[in-house]
C-alpha cells in the first residue's frame, strides 16, 4: 500500500503520460462528459448556450461564411458548434474520438436536416483529401497537447487549409495560470460517481509546473478490479508565446481576441483566442 501511495502522489515529468483517449473513450466517463457538454448552464466541457450562439454568429460574420465554405471542427464533441455552423454552410466536418458525442451530434444533424460529415477519430491522426476555408478548435483543446503534439497539430492545420484559409482556436492565459494552486484531495466516488458506475475511491493531485507554465490534474481511481490513472494536462500561454508558435508553423496575419466570440483582446483575460491565416 505504501508503494501504491507513493505512485499516486508521484509528480511526473511534463507531458510524460497522455491519457486523453481513456477519458473520452471509456464508456462511463464518455457519457458523463456528454452530460456536461449538453448542460447549457455550465462552462465545464462546453460553453454556455448563450455564448455558443453569440460565438457562432460572430464566426459566420467575421469569416464571411457562405454556403460554399468548407469548415472543419476539431474536437467537435456533440456538435454544438458544428451543427450550428452547418446551418450557414453546406460542407462541415466534425472530428472527435468520443463515439458517444459523435453519435449524439449525428442524431441531431439528421433530425435538423443538416449536411454534416462526422468522423470518430483522434484528431492527431485524422487525415483527409479535403481542404478547408476555416478550421476551428474550441474550448482550449490546444492546451491539452504537448509541445510536440502542438507542432504536429499546427502542421496538420496548415496543410488542410486552403491558401487564404483561417484557423481559430482558444487557449488559457498566464493570468489563469497565476490563479491556480497545487492541491490534493481524496474521497469515495470522487466527483459524484463521474469515474465509474460502481463504488470506487478517487485521488486528485494537482501539480503546478512554474517553469513550463503547465498544470496537471492527476486522477487515480481505485476500483475492485483495477487502478486507473488519468492525466489532464493544461498548458498556459502568453500572447507572445502563442504568436511565436503560430509564426513558426507558417501562419500569417495573426490576430488576438479575448474569446471565440470576437471580444477585444484583454491581457487580463483568463482565456484568449487567436485567428491566423495561411
Protein backbone atom coordinates (compact mmCIF):
# COMPACT_ATOMS: atom_id res chain seq x y z
CA UNK A 1 0.00 0.00 0.00
CA UNK A 2 2.89 2.37 0.75
CA UNK A 3 4.28 1.82 -2.74
CA UNK A 4 0.85 2.46 -4.26
CA UNK A 5 0.52 5.72 -2.35
CA UNK A 6 3.99 6.74 -3.46
CA UNK A 7 2.88 6.23 -7.07
CA UNK A 8 -0.38 8.11 -6.53
CA UNK A 9 1.42 11.17 -5.16
CA UNK A 10 4.31 11.00 -7.66
CA UNK A 11 4.86 14.13 -9.77
CA UNK A 12 5.51 13.07 -13.39
CA UNK A 13 7.65 14.97 -15.86
CA UNK A 14 5.78 17.46 -18.06
CA UNK A 15 3.60 15.58 -20.54
CA UNK A 16 5.22 12.28 -19.52
CA UNK A 17 1.89 10.47 -19.91
CA UNK A 18 -1.00 11.10 -22.29
CA UNK A 19 -4.38 9.58 -21.39
CA UNK A 20 -6.89 11.77 -23.21
CA UNK A 21 -8.29 8.78 -25.09
CA UNK A 22 -9.14 6.99 -21.86
CA UNK A 23 -11.09 9.96 -20.58
CA UNK A 24 -13.12 10.35 -23.76
CA UNK A 25 -13.48 6.73 -24.89
CA UNK A 26 -14.25 4.93 -21.61
CA UNK A 27 -17.97 4.20 -21.91
CA UNK A 28 -18.97 5.53 -18.49
CA UNK A 29 -16.81 8.66 -18.40
CA UNK A 30 -17.67 9.48 -22.01
CA UNK A 31 -21.36 9.51 -21.07
CA UNK A 32 -20.59 11.73 -18.09
CA UNK A 33 -18.65 14.12 -20.30
CA UNK A 34 -21.56 14.21 -22.75
CA UNK A 35 -23.90 15.26 -19.92
CA UNK A 36 -21.59 18.16 -19.08
CA UNK A 37 -21.40 19.11 -22.76
CA UNK A 38 -25.17 19.28 -23.04
CA UNK A 39 -25.76 21.24 -19.83
CA UNK A 40 -26.46 24.78 -21.11
CA UNK A 41 -25.82 26.36 -17.71
CA UNK A 42 -22.19 25.36 -17.09
CA UNK A 43 -18.81 26.14 -18.70
CA UNK A 44 -17.10 22.81 -17.97
CA UNK A 45 -16.95 20.76 -21.16
CA UNK A 46 -18.68 23.29 -23.42
CA UNK A 47 -19.52 26.96 -23.30
CA UNK A 48 -22.92 28.08 -22.06
CA UNK A 49 -25.60 28.06 -24.74
CA UNK A 50 -25.89 31.86 -24.90
CA UNK A 51 -22.16 32.17 -25.56
CA UNK A 52 -22.19 29.43 -28.22
CA UNK A 53 -24.96 31.21 -30.13
CA UNK A 54 -23.11 34.53 -29.92
CA UNK A 55 -19.84 32.89 -30.93
CA UNK A 56 -21.32 31.17 -33.98
CA UNK A 57 -22.90 34.41 -35.14
CA UNK A 58 -19.53 36.17 -34.83
CA UNK A 59 -17.70 33.37 -36.69
CA UNK A 60 -20.20 33.45 -39.56
CA UNK A 61 -19.89 37.23 -39.85
CA UNK A 62 -16.15 37.60 -39.26
CA UNK A 63 -15.06 34.88 -41.68
CA UNK A 64 -17.79 35.58 -44.25
CA UNK A 65 -19.21 32.04 -44.07
CA UNK A 66 -21.28 31.15 -47.15
CA UNK A 67 -22.98 28.02 -48.47
CA UNK A 68 -19.82 27.14 -50.44
CA UNK A 69 -17.50 27.46 -47.43
CA UNK A 70 -15.75 24.37 -46.10
CA UNK A 71 -15.31 24.15 -42.31
CA UNK A 72 -13.64 21.58 -40.04
CA UNK A 73 -14.33 21.45 -36.29
CA UNK A 74 -11.54 19.59 -34.47
CA UNK A 75 -12.67 18.22 -31.10
CA UNK A 76 -16.29 18.87 -32.09
CA UNK A 77 -17.84 16.94 -29.17
CA UNK A 78 -21.63 16.63 -29.57
CA UNK A 79 -21.70 19.14 -32.42
CA UNK A 80 -22.74 22.26 -30.53
CA UNK A 81 -20.72 24.45 -32.89
CA UNK A 82 -20.60 22.08 -35.85
CA UNK A 83 -24.35 21.75 -36.35
CA UNK A 84 -24.96 25.45 -35.92
CA UNK A 85 -22.29 26.29 -38.47
CA UNK A 86 -23.82 23.75 -40.86
CA UNK A 87 -26.99 25.85 -40.88
CA UNK A 88 -24.91 28.51 -42.68
CA UNK A 89 -22.52 26.33 -44.67
CA UNK A 90 -23.01 23.36 -46.98
CA UNK A 91 -19.81 21.47 -46.12
CA UNK A 92 -18.88 20.96 -42.45
CA UNK A 93 -16.75 18.17 -40.95
CA UNK A 94 -16.63 17.38 -37.23
CA UNK A 95 -13.85 15.23 -35.74
CA UNK A 96 -13.83 13.75 -32.24
CA UNK A 97 -12.74 10.46 -30.67
CA UNK A 98 -15.73 10.26 -28.33
CA UNK A 99 -18.12 7.81 -30.00
CA UNK A 100 -20.99 8.84 -27.73
CA UNK A 101 -20.53 12.52 -28.56
CA UNK A 102 -20.35 11.81 -32.30
CA UNK A 103 -23.47 9.62 -32.11
CA UNK A 104 -25.39 12.45 -30.44
CA UNK A 105 -24.10 15.00 -32.96
CA UNK A 106 -25.09 12.79 -35.90
CA UNK A 107 -28.57 12.26 -34.48
CA UNK A 108 -29.14 15.98 -34.01
CA UNK A 109 -27.85 16.74 -37.51
CA UNK A 110 -30.19 14.15 -39.04
CA UNK A 111 -33.19 15.49 -37.11
CA UNK A 112 -32.44 19.03 -38.22
CA UNK A 113 -31.56 18.02 -41.79
CA UNK A 114 -28.04 19.42 -41.60
CA UNK A 115 -25.28 18.41 -44.06
CA UNK A 116 -22.52 17.46 -41.61
CA UNK A 117 -19.83 14.81 -42.01
CA UNK A 118 -18.90 13.40 -38.61
CA UNK A 119 -15.73 11.35 -38.09
CA UNK A 120 -14.93 9.32 -34.98
CA UNK A 121 -11.15 9.68 -34.78
CA UNK A 122 -8.25 11.04 -32.78
CA UNK A 123 -7.72 14.41 -34.45
CA UNK A 124 -3.96 13.99 -34.05
CA UNK A 125 -4.26 11.12 -36.54
CA UNK A 126 -7.06 12.47 -38.76
CA UNK A 127 -6.31 12.60 -42.48
CA UNK A 128 -8.42 13.76 -45.41
CA UNK A 129 -8.04 14.82 -49.01
CA UNK A 130 -10.25 17.86 -48.42
CA UNK A 131 -9.03 21.37 -47.79
CA UNK A 132 -10.93 23.89 -45.72
CA UNK A 133 -11.66 27.60 -45.65
CA UNK A 134 -11.88 27.57 -41.85
CA UNK A 135 -10.65 25.22 -39.13
CA UNK A 136 -11.77 25.67 -35.53
CA UNK A 137 -10.68 24.05 -32.26
CA UNK A 138 -12.73 25.45 -29.40
CA UNK A 139 -12.74 25.03 -25.59
CA UNK A 140 -8.96 25.24 -25.18
CA UNK A 141 -8.24 21.77 -26.58
CA UNK A 142 -4.90 23.11 -27.80
CA UNK A 143 -3.79 23.48 -24.15
CA UNK A 144 -4.04 19.72 -23.55
CA UNK A 145 -1.34 18.99 -26.14
CA UNK A 146 2.38 18.61 -25.54
CA UNK A 147 4.82 20.85 -27.45
CA UNK A 148 5.47 18.07 -29.99
CA UNK A 149 1.74 17.43 -30.39
CA UNK A 150 1.08 21.14 -30.86
CA UNK A 151 3.74 21.35 -33.57
CA UNK A 152 2.20 18.32 -35.27
CA UNK A 153 -1.31 19.74 -34.96
CA UNK A 154 -0.39 23.15 -36.36
CA UNK A 155 1.37 21.46 -39.28
CA UNK A 156 -1.76 19.43 -39.94
CA UNK A 157 -3.95 22.53 -39.78
CA UNK A 158 -1.65 24.36 -42.19
CA UNK A 159 -1.75 21.50 -44.70
CA UNK A 160 -5.54 21.16 -44.50
CA UNK A 161 -6.29 24.84 -45.06
CA UNK A 162 -6.73 26.38 -48.47
CA UNK A 163 -4.47 29.29 -49.35
CA UNK A 164 -6.00 32.25 -47.54
CA UNK A 165 -7.89 29.95 -45.17
CA UNK A 166 -8.18 30.70 -41.47
CA UNK A 167 -7.61 28.90 -38.19
CA UNK A 168 -9.46 29.82 -34.97
CA UNK A 169 -8.82 28.38 -31.53
CA UNK A 170 -8.60 29.46 -27.88
CA UNK A 171 -6.15 28.90 -25.02
CA UNK A 172 -5.72 29.59 -21.30
CA UNK A 173 -3.63 32.64 -20.40
CA UNK A 174 -0.88 33.22 -17.86
CA UNK A 175 -3.41 35.13 -15.74
CA UNK A 176 -5.34 31.89 -15.37
CA UNK A 177 -2.11 30.06 -14.50
CA UNK A 178 -1.33 32.57 -11.75
CA UNK A 179 -4.73 31.88 -10.19
CA UNK A 180 -4.17 28.13 -9.89
CA UNK A 181 -2.51 26.35 -6.96
CA UNK A 182 -1.30 22.87 -6.15
CA UNK A 183 -3.78 20.76 -4.18
CA UNK A 184 -4.61 17.23 -3.02
CA UNK A 185 -7.99 15.67 -2.37
CA UNK A 186 -9.44 12.23 -1.81
CA UNK A 187 -12.96 10.84 -1.47
CA UNK A 188 -15.12 7.85 -2.11
CA UNK A 189 -16.79 8.16 -5.54
CA UNK A 190 -14.79 11.31 -6.32
CA UNK A 191 -16.78 13.82 -8.41
CA UNK A 192 -20.08 12.17 -7.51
CA UNK A 193 -19.61 8.96 -9.45
CA UNK A 194 -18.08 10.55 -12.54
CA UNK A 195 -15.37 7.90 -12.91
CA UNK A 196 -17.33 4.64 -12.59
CA UNK A 197 -20.84 3.30 -12.23
CA UNK A 198 -19.98 1.23 -9.14
CA UNK A 199 -18.22 2.40 -5.98
CA UNK A 200 -14.58 3.48 -6.21
CA UNK A 201 -12.05 5.60 -4.34
CA UNK A 202 -10.55 8.60 -6.06
CA UNK A 203 -7.45 10.72 -5.55
CA UNK A 204 -6.89 14.09 -7.23
CA UNK A 205 -3.37 15.51 -7.20
CA UNK A 206 -2.95 18.92 -8.81
CA UNK A 207 0.64 19.78 -9.76
CA UNK A 208 1.91 23.18 -10.89
CA UNK A 209 4.99 23.46 -13.12
CA UNK A 210 6.17 27.04 -12.78
CA UNK A 211 8.90 26.98 -15.41
CA UNK A 212 6.75 25.36 -18.10
CA UNK A 213 3.56 27.28 -17.19
CA UNK A 214 1.78 23.94 -17.04
CA UNK A 215 -0.83 22.38 -14.74
CA UNK A 216 -1.63 18.72 -14.20
CA UNK A 217 -4.77 17.30 -12.64
CA UNK A 218 -3.80 13.69 -11.95
CA UNK A 219 -6.76 11.44 -11.13
CA UNK A 220 -6.12 8.00 -9.63
CA UNK A 221 -9.23 5.81 -9.49
CA UNK A 222 -9.18 2.67 -7.34
CA UNK A 223 -11.76 0.04 -8.28
CA UNK A 224 -12.06 -3.56 -7.06
CA UNK A 225 -10.57 -4.94 -10.27
CA UNK A 226 -8.22 -2.18 -11.46
CA UNK A 227 -6.42 1.08 -10.76
CA UNK A 228 -6.74 3.82 -13.38
CA UNK A 229 -4.69 6.99 -13.68
CA UNK A 230 -5.85 9.85 -15.87
CA UNK A 231 -3.54 12.79 -16.59
CA UNK A 232 -5.26 16.05 -17.51
CA UNK A 233 -2.53 18.44 -18.71
CA UNK A 234 -3.19 22.12 -19.37
CA UNK A 235 -0.64 24.43 -20.95
CA UNK A 236 -0.98 28.17 -20.33
CA UNK A 237 0.24 30.79 -22.80
CA UNK A 238 1.37 34.36 -23.06
CA UNK A 239 0.24 36.18 -26.17
CA UNK A 240 3.81 36.41 -27.45
CA UNK A 241 4.48 32.69 -26.94
CA UNK A 242 1.39 31.68 -28.88
CA UNK A 243 2.08 34.17 -31.65
CA UNK A 244 5.58 32.73 -31.99
CA UNK A 245 4.28 29.15 -32.23
CA UNK A 246 1.93 30.27 -34.99
CA UNK A 247 4.69 32.12 -36.82
CA UNK A 248 6.93 29.07 -36.69
CA UNK A 249 4.09 27.00 -38.17
CA UNK A 250 3.88 29.33 -41.16
CA UNK A 251 0.71 31.25 -40.32
CA UNK A 252 0.37 34.94 -41.19
CA UNK A 253 -1.94 37.80 -40.18
CA UNK A 254 -2.22 36.54 -36.59
CA UNK A 255 -4.95 38.38 -34.63
CA UNK A 256 -5.81 38.02 -30.92
CA UNK A 257 -9.21 38.23 -29.24
CA UNK A 258 -10.30 37.61 -25.66
CA UNK A 259 -12.61 34.79 -26.74
CA UNK A 260 -14.02 32.97 -29.76
CA UNK A 261 -16.93 35.42 -29.88
CA UNK A 262 -14.64 38.24 -31.03
CA UNK A 263 -14.32 40.23 -27.79
CA UNK A 264 -11.38 42.68 -27.97
CA UNK A 265 -8.14 41.24 -26.63
CA UNK A 266 -7.52 41.97 -22.95
CA UNK A 267 -4.29 40.88 -21.26
CA UNK A 268 -6.24 40.36 -18.02
CA UNK A 269 -8.46 37.68 -19.58
CA UNK A 270 -8.06 34.12 -18.29
CA UNK A 271 -8.53 32.85 -21.84
CA UNK A 272 -7.85 34.29 -25.25
CA UNK A 273 -8.35 33.29 -28.87
CA UNK A 274 -6.25 33.58 -31.99
CA UNK A 275 -7.16 33.87 -35.65
CA UNK A 276 -4.41 33.01 -38.09
CA UNK A 277 -4.32 32.97 -41.87
CA UNK A 278 -2.49 30.61 -44.21
